[in-house]
Amino acid sequence: MTQRNITTLGQALEQAVPIIDISSRIHENKNPEFALLSNLGHKPFRIDGLSFECLEGFLQCIKTDDEARQMDFCAMLGRQAKKEGSKIAWKHKQTLYWKGRAYGRHTEEYQQLISRAFQECYQQCEEFRTVLAATGNAILDHTIGKVDPTDTILTIEEFVSRLTRLREYGSLL
């Protein structure tokens, strides 16, 4: 068990609240409504004039500076977007792209872009808001995520903290 898992477990026991793992595969059969909270969940939204079927499509599209290829991700559902995005080598540069602009992975501007995408999705997808609210005061976790920001475009902490803040305040901005 990692230190992060021990800390999360300790928090849950102290607060006597459940932990909900928002990993898509965890809930597909048992609690399919919570699978919607995953980036792979079907949550259509628009950002900067483009429509996406899920947050995963947006997150994967920003790995490439090829705007035509970015457009391909708009219509993709979660697993397909993840699979196609995994073919893009972005880690060595630690640079992501949106609307012709480069974003360093470790910059505040990048974090603001990601927050804006989550905010737009939350505001535009009623089902997302409803399911997120249904988690109550549970601690959200994402056990299949990664913690190293050089290895992923969205760490567990970046993901979970955005969902928690949206649930609590309805806003990231």
N, C-alpha and C. Protein backbone atom coordinates (compact mmCIF):
# COMPACT_ATOMS: atom_id res chain seq x y z
N MET A 1 0.85 -1.17 0.00
CA MET A 1 0.00 0.00 0.00
C MET A 1 0.90 1.23 0.00
N THR A 2 0.63 2.16 -0.89
CA THR A 2 1.45 3.36 -0.98
C THR A 2 1.13 4.33 0.15
N GLN A 3 2.02 5.29 0.35
CA GLN A 3 1.80 6.30 1.39
C GLN A 3 0.52 7.08 1.09
N ARG A 4 0.28 7.37 -0.20
CA ARG A 4 -0.93 8.11 -0.57
C ARG A 4 -2.17 7.32 -0.18
N ASN A 5 -2.18 6.02 -0.44
CA ASN A 5 -3.34 5.19 -0.10
C ASN A 5 -3.53 5.11 1.41
N ILE A 6 -2.43 5.02 2.14
CA ILE A 6 -2.53 4.98 3.60
C ILE A 6 -3.10 6.28 4.13
N THR A 7 -2.65 7.40 3.58
CA THR A 7 -3.16 8.71 3.99
C THR A 7 -4.65 8.83 3.68
N THR A 8 -5.06 8.42 2.47
CA THR A 8 -6.47 8.49 2.09
C THR A 8 -7.31 7.61 3.00
N LEU A 9 -6.85 6.41 3.27
CA LEU A 9 -7.56 5.50 4.15
C LEU A 9 -7.67 6.10 5.55
N GLY A 10 -6.59 6.66 6.04
CA GLY A 10 -6.61 7.29 7.36
C GLY A 10 -7.61 8.43 7.42
N GLN A 11 -7.68 9.23 6.37
CA GLN A 11 -8.64 10.33 6.32
C GLN A 11 -10.07 9.80 6.37
N ALA A 12 -10.33 8.74 5.63
CA ALA A 12 -11.68 8.18 5.60
C ALA A 12 -12.08 7.64 6.96
N LEU A 13 -11.16 6.96 7.63
CA LEU A 13 -11.48 6.41 8.94
C LEU A 13 -11.71 7.51 9.96
N GLU A 14 -10.88 8.55 9.92
CA GLU A 14 -11.04 9.68 10.83
C GLU A 14 -12.38 10.35 10.64
N GLN A 15 -12.78 10.51 9.43
CA GLN A 15 -13.99 11.25 9.12
C GLN A 15 -15.22 10.34 9.04
N ALA A 16 -15.02 9.04 9.12
CA ALA A 16 -16.10 8.05 9.00
C ALA A 16 -16.92 8.28 7.74
N VAL A 17 -16.22 8.51 6.63
CA VAL A 17 -16.89 8.68 5.34
C VAL A 17 -16.37 7.62 4.37
N PRO A 18 -17.19 7.26 3.43
CA PRO A 18 -16.75 6.25 2.45
C PRO A 18 -15.74 6.81 1.46
N ILE A 19 -15.01 5.90 0.84
CA ILE A 19 -14.12 6.25 -0.26
C ILE A 19 -14.76 5.71 -1.53
N ILE A 20 -14.87 6.55 -2.53
CA ILE A 20 -15.40 6.11 -3.82
C ILE A 20 -14.28 6.18 -4.84
N ASP A 21 -13.95 5.02 -5.39
CA ASP A 21 -12.94 4.96 -6.44
C ASP A 21 -13.64 5.31 -7.75
N ILE A 22 -13.22 6.38 -8.38
CA ILE A 22 -13.89 6.86 -9.59
C ILE A 22 -13.27 6.30 -10.87
N SER A 23 -12.47 5.27 -10.74
CA SER A 23 -11.90 4.61 -11.91
C SER A 23 -13.04 3.98 -12.71
N SER A 24 -13.05 4.15 -14.01
CA SER A 24 -14.18 3.71 -14.83
C SER A 24 -14.46 2.22 -14.72
N ARG A 25 -13.46 1.40 -14.73
CA ARG A 25 -13.70 -0.06 -14.72
C ARG A 25 -14.21 -0.57 -13.38
N ILE A 26 -13.94 0.14 -12.32
CA ILE A 26 -14.40 -0.28 -11.00
C ILE A 26 -15.92 -0.33 -10.96
N HIS A 27 -16.57 0.62 -11.59
CA HIS A 27 -18.01 0.78 -11.44
C HIS A 27 -18.83 0.36 -12.66
N GLU A 28 -18.20 -0.10 -13.71
CA GLU A 28 -18.96 -0.40 -14.92
C GLU A 28 -20.13 -1.33 -14.65
N ASN A 29 -19.94 -2.36 -13.85
CA ASN A 29 -21.01 -3.32 -13.60
C ASN A 29 -21.69 -3.10 -12.25
N LYS A 30 -20.92 -2.74 -11.26
CA LYS A 30 -21.44 -2.61 -9.90
C LYS A 30 -22.23 -1.31 -9.69
N ASN A 31 -21.64 -0.19 -9.99
CA ASN A 31 -22.27 1.12 -9.86
C ASN A 31 -21.96 1.94 -11.11
N PRO A 32 -22.65 1.67 -12.21
CA PRO A 32 -22.30 2.33 -13.47
C PRO A 32 -22.42 3.86 -13.41
N GLU A 33 -23.25 4.37 -12.52
CA GLU A 33 -23.39 5.83 -12.45
C GLU A 33 -22.09 6.49 -12.02
N PHE A 34 -21.31 5.86 -11.15
CA PHE A 34 -20.05 6.46 -10.71
C PHE A 34 -18.97 6.38 -11.80
N ALA A 35 -19.12 5.46 -12.74
CA ALA A 35 -18.18 5.39 -13.87
C ALA A 35 -18.23 6.68 -14.69
N LEU A 36 -19.35 7.38 -14.63
CA LEU A 36 -19.47 8.65 -15.35
C LEU A 36 -18.46 9.68 -14.83
N LEU A 37 -18.05 9.56 -13.59
CA LEU A 37 -17.09 10.52 -13.02
C LEU A 37 -15.70 10.37 -13.60
N SER A 38 -15.40 9.22 -14.13
CA SER A 38 -14.11 9.00 -14.79
C SER A 38 -13.99 9.92 -16.00
N ASN A 39 -12.78 10.24 -16.40
CA ASN A 39 -12.58 11.01 -17.63
C ASN A 39 -13.15 10.29 -18.84
N LEU A 40 -13.25 8.96 -18.74
CA LEU A 40 -13.75 8.17 -19.85
C LEU A 40 -15.27 8.23 -19.97
N GLY A 41 -15.94 8.64 -18.92
CA GLY A 41 -17.40 8.69 -18.91
C GLY A 41 -17.95 9.65 -19.95
N HIS A 42 -19.08 9.27 -20.55
CA HIS A 42 -19.70 10.08 -21.59
C HIS A 42 -20.34 11.32 -20.96
N LYS A 43 -19.66 12.45 -21.15
CA LYS A 43 -20.11 13.73 -20.62
C LYS A 43 -19.89 14.79 -21.71
N PRO A 44 -20.80 14.89 -22.66
CA PRO A 44 -20.60 15.85 -23.76
C PRO A 44 -20.50 17.29 -23.26
N PHE A 45 -19.59 18.05 -23.87
CA PHE A 45 -19.44 19.45 -23.52
C PHE A 45 -18.73 20.18 -24.66
N ARG A 46 -18.81 21.50 -24.61
CA ARG A 46 -18.13 22.35 -25.59
C ARG A 46 -17.13 23.24 -24.87
N ILE A 47 -16.01 23.46 -25.54
CA ILE A 47 -15.02 24.40 -25.04
C ILE A 47 -14.40 25.11 -26.24
N ASP A 48 -14.35 26.40 -26.18
CA ASP A 48 -13.77 27.22 -27.25
C ASP A 48 -14.31 26.85 -28.63
N GLY A 49 -15.61 26.59 -28.69
CA GLY A 49 -16.27 26.31 -29.96
C GLY A 49 -16.18 24.88 -30.45
N LEU A 50 -15.50 24.00 -29.72
CA LEU A 50 -15.39 22.60 -30.12
C LEU A 50 -16.19 21.71 -29.17
N SER A 51 -16.84 20.70 -29.72
CA SER A 51 -17.63 19.77 -28.92
C SER A 51 -16.85 18.48 -28.70
N PHE A 52 -16.90 18.00 -27.47
CA PHE A 52 -16.26 16.75 -27.09
C PHE A 52 -17.29 15.83 -26.47
N GLU A 53 -17.09 14.54 -26.62
CA GLU A 53 -17.99 13.55 -26.03
C GLU A 53 -17.62 13.23 -24.59
N CYS A 54 -16.38 13.56 -24.21
CA CYS A 54 -15.94 13.26 -22.85
C CYS A 54 -14.67 14.07 -22.55
N LEU A 55 -14.35 14.16 -21.28
CA LEU A 55 -13.13 14.86 -20.89
C LEU A 55 -11.89 14.16 -21.44
N GLU A 56 -11.93 12.85 -21.55
CA GLU A 56 -10.77 12.12 -22.06
C GLU A 56 -10.42 12.57 -23.48
N GLY A 57 -11.43 12.81 -24.31
CA GLY A 57 -11.18 13.30 -25.66
C GLY A 57 -10.41 14.61 -25.65
N PHE A 58 -10.82 15.52 -24.77
CA PHE A 58 -10.10 16.79 -24.66
C PHE A 58 -8.68 16.57 -24.15
N LEU A 59 -8.54 15.79 -23.09
CA LEU A 59 -7.22 15.57 -22.49
C LEU A 59 -6.25 14.92 -23.47
N GLN A 60 -6.75 14.02 -24.29
CA GLN A 60 -5.87 13.35 -25.26
C GLN A 60 -5.56 14.26 -26.44
N CYS A 61 -6.50 15.08 -26.83
CA CYS A 61 -6.26 15.93 -28.01
C CYS A 61 -5.15 16.94 -27.75
N ILE A 62 -4.98 17.38 -26.52
CA ILE A 62 -3.98 18.41 -26.26
C ILE A 62 -2.56 17.87 -26.28
N LYS A 63 -2.40 16.57 -26.48
CA LYS A 63 -1.07 15.99 -26.57
C LYS A 63 -0.39 16.30 -27.90
N THR A 64 -1.15 16.72 -28.89
CA THR A 64 -0.59 16.96 -30.21
C THR A 64 -0.78 18.42 -30.64
N ASP A 65 0.16 18.92 -31.41
CA ASP A 65 0.02 20.27 -31.95
C ASP A 65 -0.64 20.25 -33.33
N ASP A 66 -0.96 19.08 -33.83
CA ASP A 66 -1.62 18.91 -35.12
C ASP A 66 -3.12 19.16 -34.93
N GLU A 67 -3.59 20.33 -35.36
CA GLU A 67 -4.98 20.71 -35.13
C GLU A 67 -5.97 19.77 -35.82
N ALA A 68 -5.62 19.23 -36.96
CA ALA A 68 -6.50 18.27 -37.64
C ALA A 68 -6.63 17.00 -36.80
N ARG A 69 -5.52 16.56 -36.25
CA ARG A 69 -5.56 15.37 -35.40
C ARG A 69 -6.32 15.66 -34.11
N GLN A 70 -6.18 16.87 -33.58
CA GLN A 70 -6.94 17.24 -32.40
C GLN A 70 -8.44 17.10 -32.67
N MET A 71 -8.86 17.53 -33.83
CA MET A 71 -10.29 17.46 -34.19
C MET A 71 -10.81 16.02 -34.16
N ASP A 72 -9.95 15.07 -34.50
CA ASP A 72 -10.38 13.67 -34.49
C ASP A 72 -10.84 13.24 -33.10
N PHE A 73 -10.26 13.83 -32.06
CA PHE A 73 -10.59 13.43 -30.70
C PHE A 73 -11.96 13.96 -30.25
N CYS A 74 -12.48 14.95 -30.93
CA CYS A 74 -13.76 15.55 -30.52
C CYS A 74 -14.89 14.52 -30.44
N ALA A 75 -14.98 13.65 -31.41
CA ALA A 75 -16.09 12.69 -31.48
C ALA A 75 -15.79 11.36 -30.78
N MET A 76 -14.58 11.20 -30.29
CA MET A 76 -14.22 9.92 -29.68
C MET A 76 -14.81 9.76 -28.28
N LEU A 77 -15.23 8.54 -28.00
CA LEU A 77 -15.64 8.20 -26.64
C LEU A 77 -14.40 7.85 -25.84
N GLY A 78 -14.55 7.69 -24.55
CA GLY A 78 -13.43 7.58 -23.62
C GLY A 78 -12.33 6.59 -23.95
N ARG A 79 -12.68 5.33 -24.09
CA ARG A 79 -11.64 4.31 -24.32
C ARG A 79 -10.93 4.51 -25.65
N GLN A 80 -11.69 4.88 -26.66
CA GLN A 80 -11.07 5.11 -27.97
C GLN A 80 -10.11 6.30 -27.89
N ALA A 81 -10.53 7.37 -27.22
CA ALA A 81 -9.67 8.55 -27.08
C ALA A 81 -8.40 8.19 -26.32
N LYS A 82 -8.55 7.42 -25.25
CA LYS A 82 -7.38 7.02 -24.46
C LYS A 82 -6.42 6.18 -25.30
N LYS A 83 -6.97 5.25 -26.06
CA LYS A 83 -6.14 4.38 -26.90
C LYS A 83 -5.40 5.20 -27.96
N GLU A 84 -6.10 6.08 -28.65
CA GLU A 84 -5.47 6.88 -29.70
C GLU A 84 -4.46 7.87 -29.11
N GLY A 85 -4.79 8.46 -27.97
CA GLY A 85 -3.88 9.40 -27.33
C GLY A 85 -2.61 8.75 -26.83
N SER A 86 -2.70 7.48 -26.48
CA SER A 86 -1.52 6.77 -25.97
C SER A 86 -0.45 6.61 -27.05
N LYS A 87 -0.82 6.82 -28.30
CA LYS A 87 0.12 6.70 -29.41
C LYS A 87 0.93 7.99 -29.63
N ILE A 88 0.57 9.05 -28.93
CA ILE A 88 1.23 10.34 -29.12
C ILE A 88 2.35 10.52 -28.10
N ALA A 89 3.55 10.76 -28.59
CA ALA A 89 4.71 10.96 -27.71
C ALA A 89 4.77 12.43 -27.30
N TRP A 90 4.42 12.71 -26.08
CA TRP A 90 4.45 14.09 -25.58
C TRP A 90 5.37 14.24 -24.37
N LYS A 91 5.69 13.16 -23.72
CA LYS A 91 6.39 13.21 -22.43
C LYS A 91 7.78 13.81 -22.51
N HIS A 92 8.50 13.54 -23.60
CA HIS A 92 9.88 14.05 -23.67
C HIS A 92 9.90 15.58 -23.74
N LYS A 93 8.89 16.20 -24.32
CA LYS A 93 8.84 17.66 -24.40
C LYS A 93 8.11 18.29 -23.22
N GLN A 94 7.22 17.52 -22.57
CA GLN A 94 6.39 18.03 -21.49
C GLN A 94 5.62 19.28 -21.93
N THR A 95 5.14 19.22 -23.19
CA THR A 95 4.40 20.34 -23.76
C THR A 95 3.09 19.82 -24.32
N LEU A 96 2.02 20.59 -24.08
CA LEU A 96 0.70 20.25 -24.58
C LEU A 96 0.17 21.45 -25.36
N TYR A 97 -0.87 21.23 -26.17
CA TYR A 97 -1.28 22.25 -27.12
C TYR A 97 -2.80 22.42 -27.15
N TRP A 98 -3.22 23.66 -27.26
CA TRP A 98 -4.64 23.94 -27.42
C TRP A 98 -4.81 25.23 -28.22
N LYS A 99 -5.60 25.13 -29.28
CA LYS A 99 -5.93 26.28 -30.11
C LYS A 99 -4.67 27.02 -30.58
N GLY A 100 -3.67 26.26 -31.02
CA GLY A 100 -2.46 26.84 -31.58
C GLY A 100 -1.45 27.35 -30.56
N ARG A 101 -1.71 27.14 -29.30
CA ARG A 101 -0.82 27.61 -28.24
C ARG A 101 -0.18 26.43 -27.51
N ALA A 102 1.09 26.56 -27.21
CA ALA A 102 1.81 25.53 -26.45
C ALA A 102 1.71 25.83 -24.96
N TYR A 103 1.53 24.77 -24.17
CA TYR A 103 1.44 24.89 -22.72
C TYR A 103 2.47 23.95 -22.09
N GLY A 104 3.34 24.47 -21.28
CA GLY A 104 4.24 23.61 -20.52
C GLY A 104 3.43 22.81 -19.51
N ARG A 105 3.71 21.54 -19.40
CA ARG A 105 2.93 20.66 -18.51
C ARG A 105 2.93 21.17 -17.07
N HIS A 106 3.98 21.83 -16.65
CA HIS A 106 4.13 22.19 -15.24
C HIS A 106 3.87 23.67 -14.98
N THR A 107 3.02 24.29 -15.83
CA THR A 107 2.75 25.71 -15.68
C THR A 107 1.36 25.96 -15.12
N GLU A 108 1.19 27.13 -14.55
CA GLU A 108 -0.12 27.55 -14.05
C GLU A 108 -1.11 27.70 -15.20
N GLU A 109 -0.64 28.15 -16.36
CA GLU A 109 -1.52 28.31 -17.52
C GLU A 109 -2.11 26.96 -17.94
N TYR A 110 -1.30 25.93 -17.87
CA TYR A 110 -1.80 24.59 -18.20
C TYR A 110 -2.87 24.17 -17.19
N GLN A 111 -2.61 24.39 -15.92
CA GLN A 111 -3.59 24.03 -14.89
C GLN A 111 -4.90 24.79 -15.09
N GLN A 112 -4.81 26.04 -15.50
CA GLN A 112 -6.02 26.83 -15.76
C GLN A 112 -6.80 26.28 -16.94
N LEU A 113 -6.09 25.85 -17.98
CA LEU A 113 -6.74 25.25 -19.15
C LEU A 113 -7.51 23.99 -18.74
N ILE A 114 -6.87 23.13 -17.98
CA ILE A 114 -7.52 21.89 -17.54
C ILE A 114 -8.72 22.21 -16.66
N SER A 115 -8.57 23.16 -15.75
CA SER A 115 -9.68 23.55 -14.88
C SER A 115 -10.85 24.09 -15.71
N ARG A 116 -10.53 24.85 -16.74
CA ARG A 116 -11.59 25.39 -17.58
C ARG A 116 -12.36 24.28 -18.30
N ALA A 117 -11.65 23.26 -18.77
CA ALA A 117 -12.32 22.13 -19.43
C ALA A 117 -13.24 21.41 -18.44
N PHE A 118 -12.75 21.16 -17.23
CA PHE A 118 -13.59 20.52 -16.21
C PHE A 118 -14.80 21.39 -15.88
N GLN A 119 -14.58 22.69 -15.76
CA GLN A 119 -15.65 23.62 -15.43
C GLN A 119 -16.72 23.61 -16.52
N GLU A 120 -16.30 23.68 -17.78
CA GLU A 120 -17.25 23.67 -18.89
C GLU A 120 -18.06 22.38 -18.90
N CYS A 121 -17.39 21.27 -18.71
CA CYS A 121 -18.07 19.97 -18.69
C CYS A 121 -19.09 19.94 -17.55
N TYR A 122 -18.70 20.38 -16.39
CA TYR A 122 -19.58 20.39 -15.21
C TYR A 122 -20.80 21.27 -15.47
N GLN A 123 -20.60 22.44 -16.01
CA GLN A 123 -21.71 23.36 -16.25
C GLN A 123 -22.67 22.86 -17.32
N GLN A 124 -22.15 22.16 -18.31
CA GLN A 124 -22.96 21.77 -19.46
C GLN A 124 -23.58 20.39 -19.36
N CYS A 125 -23.12 19.56 -18.46
CA CYS A 125 -23.61 18.18 -18.38
C CYS A 125 -24.34 17.96 -17.05
N GLU A 126 -25.63 18.01 -17.12
CA GLU A 126 -26.45 17.87 -15.91
C GLU A 126 -26.23 16.51 -15.24
N GLU A 127 -26.11 15.47 -16.02
CA GLU A 127 -25.90 14.13 -15.45
C GLU A 127 -24.59 14.09 -14.65
N PHE A 128 -23.56 14.72 -15.15
CA PHE A 128 -22.28 14.80 -14.44
C PHE A 128 -22.47 15.49 -13.09
N ARG A 129 -23.16 16.63 -13.09
CA ARG A 129 -23.41 17.35 -11.84
C ARG A 129 -24.20 16.50 -10.85
N THR A 130 -25.21 15.79 -11.35
CA THR A 130 -26.06 14.97 -10.50
C THR A 130 -25.29 13.83 -9.87
N VAL A 131 -24.51 13.13 -10.68
CA VAL A 131 -23.74 11.99 -10.16
C VAL A 131 -22.67 12.47 -9.19
N LEU A 132 -22.01 13.57 -9.50
CA LEU A 132 -21.00 14.10 -8.60
C LEU A 132 -21.63 14.48 -7.25
N ALA A 133 -22.77 15.12 -7.29
CA ALA A 133 -23.48 15.49 -6.06
C ALA A 133 -23.88 14.25 -5.26
N ALA A 134 -24.21 13.17 -5.95
CA ALA A 134 -24.63 11.93 -5.29
C ALA A 134 -23.50 11.27 -4.49
N THR A 135 -22.27 11.70 -4.71
CA THR A 135 -21.16 11.13 -3.92
C THR A 135 -21.15 11.70 -2.50
N GLY A 136 -21.98 12.70 -2.26
CA GLY A 136 -22.10 13.27 -0.91
C GLY A 136 -20.78 13.79 -0.41
N ASN A 137 -20.43 13.36 0.79
CA ASN A 137 -19.16 13.80 1.38
C ASN A 137 -18.08 12.73 1.29
N ALA A 138 -18.29 11.75 0.42
CA ALA A 138 -17.32 10.66 0.25
C ALA A 138 -15.98 11.22 -0.24
N ILE A 139 -14.93 10.55 0.15
CA ILE A 139 -13.60 10.86 -0.37
C ILE A 139 -13.49 10.21 -1.73
N LEU A 140 -13.13 10.99 -2.72
CA LEU A 140 -12.97 10.46 -4.08
C LEU A 140 -11.53 10.02 -4.27
N ASP A 141 -11.36 8.89 -4.95
CA ASP A 141 -10.03 8.38 -5.22
C ASP A 141 -10.02 7.86 -6.66
N HIS A 142 -8.84 7.68 -7.19
CA HIS A 142 -8.68 7.16 -8.56
C HIS A 142 -7.49 6.22 -8.55
N THR A 143 -7.74 4.98 -8.16
CA THR A 143 -6.66 4.04 -7.88
C THR A 143 -5.84 3.63 -9.09
N ILE A 144 -6.35 3.81 -10.29
CA ILE A 144 -5.55 3.42 -11.45
C ILE A 144 -4.81 4.60 -12.06
N GLY A 145 -4.94 5.78 -11.46
CA GLY A 145 -4.25 6.96 -11.97
C GLY A 145 -2.78 6.96 -11.60
N LYS A 146 -2.11 7.99 -12.06
CA LYS A 146 -0.67 8.14 -11.81
C LYS A 146 -0.43 9.36 -10.94
N VAL A 147 0.69 9.36 -10.24
CA VAL A 147 1.02 10.48 -9.34
C VAL A 147 2.13 11.38 -9.90
N ASP A 148 2.89 10.89 -10.85
CA ASP A 148 4.02 11.64 -11.40
C ASP A 148 3.56 12.52 -12.57
N PRO A 149 3.59 13.84 -12.43
CA PRO A 149 3.10 14.71 -13.50
C PRO A 149 3.93 14.63 -14.79
N THR A 150 5.14 14.11 -14.73
CA THR A 150 5.92 13.96 -15.95
C THR A 150 5.47 12.74 -16.76
N ASP A 151 4.64 11.90 -16.14
CA ASP A 151 4.22 10.65 -16.76
C ASP A 151 2.76 10.66 -17.19
N THR A 152 2.03 11.73 -16.86
CA THR A 152 0.60 11.78 -17.18
C THR A 152 0.18 13.24 -17.36
N ILE A 153 -0.86 13.44 -18.14
CA ILE A 153 -1.35 14.81 -18.33
C ILE A 153 -2.30 15.23 -17.22
N LEU A 154 -2.69 14.28 -16.37
CA LEU A 154 -3.58 14.58 -15.25
C LEU A 154 -3.30 13.58 -14.13
N THR A 155 -2.68 14.05 -13.06
CA THR A 155 -2.38 13.17 -11.93
C THR A 155 -3.65 12.87 -11.13
N ILE A 156 -3.54 11.89 -10.27
CA ILE A 156 -4.66 11.57 -9.38
C ILE A 156 -5.08 12.81 -8.61
N GLU A 157 -4.13 13.50 -8.02
CA GLU A 157 -4.43 14.68 -7.22
C GLU A 157 -5.09 15.78 -8.05
N GLU A 158 -4.57 16.02 -9.25
CA GLU A 158 -5.16 17.05 -10.11
C GLU A 158 -6.61 16.69 -10.48
N PHE A 159 -6.85 15.44 -10.73
CA PHE A 159 -8.17 14.96 -11.12
C PHE A 159 -9.14 15.02 -9.94
N VAL A 160 -8.78 14.36 -8.87
CA VAL A 160 -9.67 14.25 -7.71
C VAL A 160 -9.94 15.62 -7.07
N SER A 161 -8.93 16.45 -6.99
CA SER A 161 -9.14 17.76 -6.36
C SER A 161 -10.11 18.61 -7.18
N ARG A 162 -10.07 18.49 -8.50
CA ARG A 162 -11.02 19.24 -9.32
C ARG A 162 -12.44 18.74 -9.11
N LEU A 163 -12.62 17.44 -9.08
CA LEU A 163 -13.96 16.90 -8.85
C LEU A 163 -14.48 17.29 -7.47
N THR A 164 -13.61 17.21 -6.47
CA THR A 164 -14.02 17.55 -5.11
C THR A 164 -14.42 19.02 -5.02
N ARG A 165 -13.63 19.87 -5.64
CA ARG A 165 -13.96 21.30 -5.60
C ARG A 165 -15.26 21.59 -6.36
N LEU A 166 -15.45 20.96 -7.49
CA LEU A 166 -16.70 21.15 -8.22
C LEU A 166 -17.89 20.69 -7.38
N ARG A 167 -17.74 19.56 -6.73
CA ARG A 167 -18.82 19.05 -5.88
C ARG A 167 -19.13 20.02 -4.74
N GLU A 168 -18.09 20.56 -4.14
CA GLU A 168 -18.28 21.41 -2.97
C GLU A 168 -18.72 22.83 -3.32
N TYR A 169 -18.16 23.38 -4.38
CA TYR A 169 -18.39 24.80 -4.68
C TYR A 169 -19.08 25.07 -6.02
N GLY A 170 -19.12 24.05 -6.90
CA GLY A 170 -19.72 24.26 -8.21
C GLY A 170 -18.85 25.07 -9.15
N SER A 171 -17.60 25.32 -8.73
CA SER A 171 -16.73 26.16 -9.56
C SER A 171 -15.26 25.84 -9.30
N LEU A 172 -14.49 25.99 -10.34
CA LEU A 172 -13.03 25.88 -10.23
C LEU A 172 -12.38 27.21 -10.51
N LEU A 173 -13.13 28.11 -11.07
CA LEU A 173 -12.55 29.38 -11.54
C LEU A 173 -12.80 30.50 -10.56
